Amino acid sequence: MGEVSEIQAAGAIVWRRNESDAIEIALVHRPKYDDWSMPKGKVEG
């Protein structure tokens, strides 16, 4: 078996209040998997 390397990732909850004071949350759609998730990515450097 090969060596396992650690991958650092980061995410955020992006939100806002709309005109009626309700909270809206930003989601990302991934067509390849046909699912929705919160924005995230890998940490550089």
PDB file of N, CA and C in Angstrom:
ATOM      1  N   MET A   1       0.823  -1.187   0.000  1.00  0.00           N
ATOM      2  CA  MET A   1       0.000   0.000   0.000  1.00  0.00           C
ATOM      3  C   MET A   1       0.864   1.245   0.000  1.00  0.00           C
ATOM      4  N   GLY A   2       0.360   2.309  -0.650  1.00  0.00           N
ATOM      5  CA  GLY A   2       1.106   3.557  -0.708  1.00  0.00           C
ATOM      6  C   GLY A   2       0.920   4.404   0.540  1.00  0.00           C
ATOM      7  N   GLU A   3       1.710   5.453   0.607  1.00  0.00           N
ATOM      8  CA  GLU A   3       1.637   6.376   1.737  1.00  0.00           C
ATOM      9  C   GLU A   3       0.381   7.243   1.627  1.00  0.00           C
ATOM     10  N   VAL A   4      -0.277   7.483   2.738  1.00  0.00           N
ATOM     11  CA  VAL A   4      -1.478   8.323   2.776  1.00  0.00           C
ATOM     12  C   VAL A   4      -1.066   9.747   3.106  1.00  0.00           C
ATOM     13  N   SER A   5      -1.508  10.717   2.297  1.00  0.00           N
ATOM     14  CA  SER A   5      -1.184  12.110   2.578  1.00  0.00           C
ATOM     15  C   SER A   5      -2.428  12.833   3.097  1.00  0.00           C
ATOM     16  N   GLU A   6      -2.184  13.817   3.923  1.00  0.00           N
ATOM     17  CA  GLU A   6      -3.274  14.590   4.518  1.00  0.00           C
ATOM     18  C   GLU A   6      -3.704  15.696   3.566  1.00  0.00           C
ATOM     19  N   ILE A   7      -5.000  15.871   3.402  1.00  0.00           N
ATOM     20  CA  ILE A   7      -5.544  16.940   2.563  1.00  0.00           C
ATOM     21  C   ILE A   7      -6.304  17.896   3.466  1.00  0.00           C
ATOM     22  N   GLN A   8      -5.941  19.178   3.397  1.00  0.00           N
ATOM     23  CA  GLN A   8      -6.647  20.173   4.193  1.00  0.00           C
ATOM     24  C   GLN A   8      -7.751  20.797   3.349  1.00  0.00           C
ATOM     25  N   ALA A   9      -8.922  20.922   3.927  1.00  0.00           N
ATOM     26  CA  ALA A   9     -10.059  21.514   3.229  1.00  0.00           C
ATOM     27  C   ALA A   9     -10.666  22.604   4.101  1.00  0.00           C
ATOM     28  N   ALA A  10     -11.385  23.505   3.456  1.00  0.00           N
ATOM     29  CA  ALA A  10     -12.057  24.591   4.169  1.00  0.00           C
ATOM     30  C   ALA A  10     -13.456  24.766   3.594  1.00  0.00           C
ATOM     31  N   GLY A  11     -14.363  25.226   4.410  1.00  0.00           N
ATOM     32  CA  GLY A  11     -15.728  25.457   3.959  1.00  0.00           C
ATOM     33  C   GLY A  11     -16.302  26.668   4.669  1.00  0.00           C
ATOM     34  N   ALA A  12     -17.460  27.088   4.222  1.00  0.00           N
ATOM     35  CA  ALA A  12     -18.120  28.247   4.821  1.00  0.00           C
ATOM     36  C   ALA A  12     -19.624  28.106   4.676  1.00  0.00           C
ATOM     37  N   ILE A  13     -20.325  28.751   5.560  1.00  0.00           N
ATOM     38  CA  ILE A  13     -21.771  28.870   5.397  1.00  0.00           C
ATOM     39  C   ILE A  13     -22.028  30.303   4.949  1.00  0.00           C
ATOM     40  N   VAL A  14     -22.444  30.456   3.707  1.00  0.00           N
ATOM     41  CA  VAL A  14     -22.712  31.771   3.126  1.00  0.00           C
ATOM     42  C   VAL A  14     -24.207  32.026   3.261  1.00  0.00           C
ATOM     43  N   TRP A  15     -24.569  33.108   3.956  1.00  0.00           N
ATOM     44  CA  TRP A  15     -25.982  33.358   4.193  1.00  0.00           C
ATOM     45  C   TRP A  15     -26.278  34.851   4.141  1.00  0.00           C
ATOM     46  N   ARG A  16     -27.563  35.159   4.042  1.00  0.00           N
ATOM     47  CA  ARG A  16     -28.015  36.543   4.085  1.00  0.00           C
ATOM     48  C   ARG A  16     -29.475  36.554   4.548  1.00  0.00           C
ATOM     49  N   ARG A  17     -29.909  37.717   4.965  1.00  0.00           N
ATOM     50  CA  ARG A  17     -31.328  37.907   5.280  1.00  0.00           C
ATOM     51  C   ARG A  17     -31.978  38.576   4.079  1.00  0.00           C
ATOM     52  N   ASN A  18     -33.113  38.046   3.637  1.00  0.00           N
ATOM     53  CA  ASN A  18     -33.802  38.634   2.490  1.00  0.00           C
ATOM     54  C   ASN A  18     -34.744  39.747   2.945  1.00  0.00           C
ATOM     55  N   GLU A  19     -35.538  40.267   2.000  1.00  0.00           N
ATOM     56  CA  GLU A  19     -36.414  41.402   2.279  1.00  0.00           C
ATOM     57  C   GLU A  19     -37.415  41.115   3.397  1.00  0.00           C
ATOM     58  N   SER A  20     -37.834  39.868   3.542  1.00  0.00           N
ATOM     59  CA  SER A  20     -38.792  39.523   4.604  1.00  0.00           C
ATOM     60  C   SER A  20     -38.093  39.014   5.869  1.00  0.00           C
ATOM     61  N   ASP A  21     -36.787  39.277   5.971  1.00  0.00           N
ATOM     62  CA  ASP A  21     -35.975  38.943   7.136  1.00  0.00           C
ATOM     63  C   ASP A  21     -35.763  37.438   7.331  1.00  0.00           C
ATOM     64  N   ALA A  22     -36.058  36.636   6.306  1.00  0.00           N
ATOM     65  CA  ALA A  22     -35.776  35.199   6.368  1.00  0.00           C
ATOM     66  C   ALA A  22     -34.312  34.966   5.981  1.00  0.00           C
ATOM     67  N   ILE A  23     -33.720  33.911   6.503  1.00  0.00           N
ATOM     68  CA  ILE A  23     -32.323  33.587   6.187  1.00  0.00           C
ATOM     69  C   ILE A  23     -32.272  32.724   4.933  1.00  0.00           C
ATOM     70  N   GLU A  24     -31.406  33.126   3.992  1.00  0.00           N
ATOM     71  CA  GLU A  24     -31.158  32.348   2.770  1.00  0.00           C
ATOM     72  C   GLU A  24     -29.734  31.818   2.841  1.00  0.00           C
ATOM     73  N   ILE A  25     -29.534  30.561   2.475  1.00  0.00           N
ATOM     74  CA  ILE A  25     -28.219  29.921   2.512  1.00  0.00           C
ATOM     75  C   ILE A  25     -27.798  29.566   1.091  1.00  0.00           C
ATOM     76  N   ALA A  26     -26.549  29.906   0.728  1.00  0.00           N
ATOM     77  CA  ALA A  26     -26.024  29.594  -0.605  1.00  0.00           C
ATOM     78  C   ALA A  26     -25.599  28.131  -0.664  1.00  0.00           C
ATOM     79  N   LEU A  27     -26.023  27.440  -1.715  1.00  0.00           N
ATOM     80  CA  LEU A  27     -25.635  26.058  -1.963  1.00  0.00           C
ATOM     81  C   LEU A  27     -25.025  25.945  -3.349  1.00  0.00           C
ATOM     82  N   VAL A  28     -24.229  24.915  -3.559  1.00  0.00           N
ATOM     83  CA  VAL A  28     -23.592  24.650  -4.848  1.00  0.00           C
ATOM     84  C   VAL A  28     -24.178  23.359  -5.418  1.00  0.00           C
ATOM     85  N   HIS A  29     -24.584  23.407  -6.686  1.00  0.00           N
ATOM     86  CA  HIS A  29     -25.113  22.203  -7.336  1.00  0.00           C
ATOM     87  C   HIS A  29     -23.992  21.539  -8.123  1.00  0.00           C
ATOM     88  N   ARG A  30     -23.826  20.237  -7.934  1.00  0.00           N
ATOM     89  CA  ARG A  30     -22.832  19.474  -8.685  1.00  0.00           C
ATOM     90  C   ARG A  30     -23.581  18.577  -9.669  1.00  0.00           C
ATOM     91  N   PRO A  31     -23.668  18.997 -10.944  1.00  0.00           N
ATOM     92  CA  PRO A  31     -24.420  18.220 -11.933  1.00  0.00           C
ATOM     93  C   PRO A  31     -23.907  16.791 -12.099  1.00  0.00           C
ATOM     94  N   LYS A  32     -22.589  16.602 -11.964  1.00  0.00           N
ATOM     95  CA  LYS A  32     -22.014  15.266 -12.141  1.00  0.00           C
ATOM     96  C   LYS A  32     -22.621  14.263 -11.159  1.00  0.00           C
ATOM     97  N   TYR A  33     -22.880  14.724  -9.933  1.00  0.00           N
ATOM     98  CA  TYR A  33     -23.435  13.853  -8.895  1.00  0.00           C
ATOM     99  C   TYR A  33     -24.912  14.143  -8.619  1.00  0.00           C
ATOM    100  N   ASP A  34     -25.451  15.169  -9.273  1.00  0.00           N
ATOM    101  CA  ASP A  34     -26.830  15.620  -9.087  1.00  0.00           C
ATOM    102  C   ASP A  34     -27.161  15.799  -7.604  1.00  0.00           C
ATOM    103  N   ASP A  35     -26.271  16.563  -6.911  1.00  0.00           N
ATOM    104  CA  ASP A  35     -26.538  16.857  -5.508  1.00  0.00           C
ATOM    105  C   ASP A  35     -26.224  18.315  -5.203  1.00  0.00           C
ATOM    106  N   TRP A  36     -26.536  18.724  -4.005  1.00  0.00           N
ATOM    107  CA  TRP A  36     -26.313  20.089  -3.536  1.00  0.00           C
ATOM    108  C   TRP A  36     -25.445  20.026  -2.281  1.00  0.00           C
ATOM    109  N   SER A  37     -24.538  21.003  -2.124  1.00  0.00           N
ATOM    110  CA  SER A  37     -23.700  21.039  -0.927  1.00  0.00           C
ATOM    111  C   SER A  37     -23.329  22.478  -0.607  1.00  0.00           C
ATOM    112  N   MET A  38     -22.714  22.660   0.552  1.00  0.00           N
ATOM    113  CA  MET A  38     -22.234  23.986   0.928  1.00  0.00           C
ATOM    114  C   MET A  38     -20.883  24.226   0.262  1.00  0.00           C
ATOM    115  N   PRO A  39     -20.568  25.508  -0.054  1.00  0.00           N
ATOM    116  CA  PRO A  39     -19.300  25.813  -0.724  1.00  0.00           C
ATOM    117  C   PRO A  39     -18.101  25.353   0.108  1.00  0.00           C
ATOM    118  N   LYS A  40     -17.145  24.714  -0.556  1.00  0.00           N
ATOM    119  CA  LYS A  40     -15.923  24.280   0.126  1.00  0.00           C
ATOM    120  C   LYS A  40     -14.824  24.097  -0.905  1.00  0.00           C
ATOM    121  N   GLY A  41     -13.635  23.877  -0.431  1.00  0.00           N
ATOM    122  CA  GLY A  41     -12.517  23.662  -1.334  1.00  0.00           C
ATOM    123  C   GLY A  41     -11.295  23.208  -0.559  1.00  0.00           C
ATOM    124  N   LYS A  42     -10.211  23.034  -1.263  1.00  0.00           N
ATOM    125  CA  LYS A  42      -8.957  22.601  -0.650  1.00  0.00           C
ATOM    126  C   LYS A  42      -8.099  23.822  -0.340  1.00  0.00           C
ATOM    127  N   VAL A  43      -7.346  23.745   0.766  1.00  0.00           N
ATOM    128  CA  VAL A  43      -6.470  24.824   1.187  1.00  0.00           C
ATOM    129  C   VAL A  43      -5.180  24.747   0.389  1.00  0.00           C
ATOM    130  N   GLU A  44      -4.755  25.885  -0.177  1.00  0.00           N
ATOM    131  CA  GLU A  44      -3.503  25.918  -0.946  1.00  0.00           C
ATOM    132  C   GLU A  44      -2.312  26.139  -0.022  1.00  0.00           C
ATOM    133  N   GLY A  45      -1.196  25.570  -0.440  1.00  0.00           N
ATOM    134  CA  GLY A  45       0.072  25.861   0.117  1.00  0.00           C
ATOM    135  C   GLY A  45       0.457  25.373   1.415  1.00  0.00           C
TER     136      GLY A  45
END
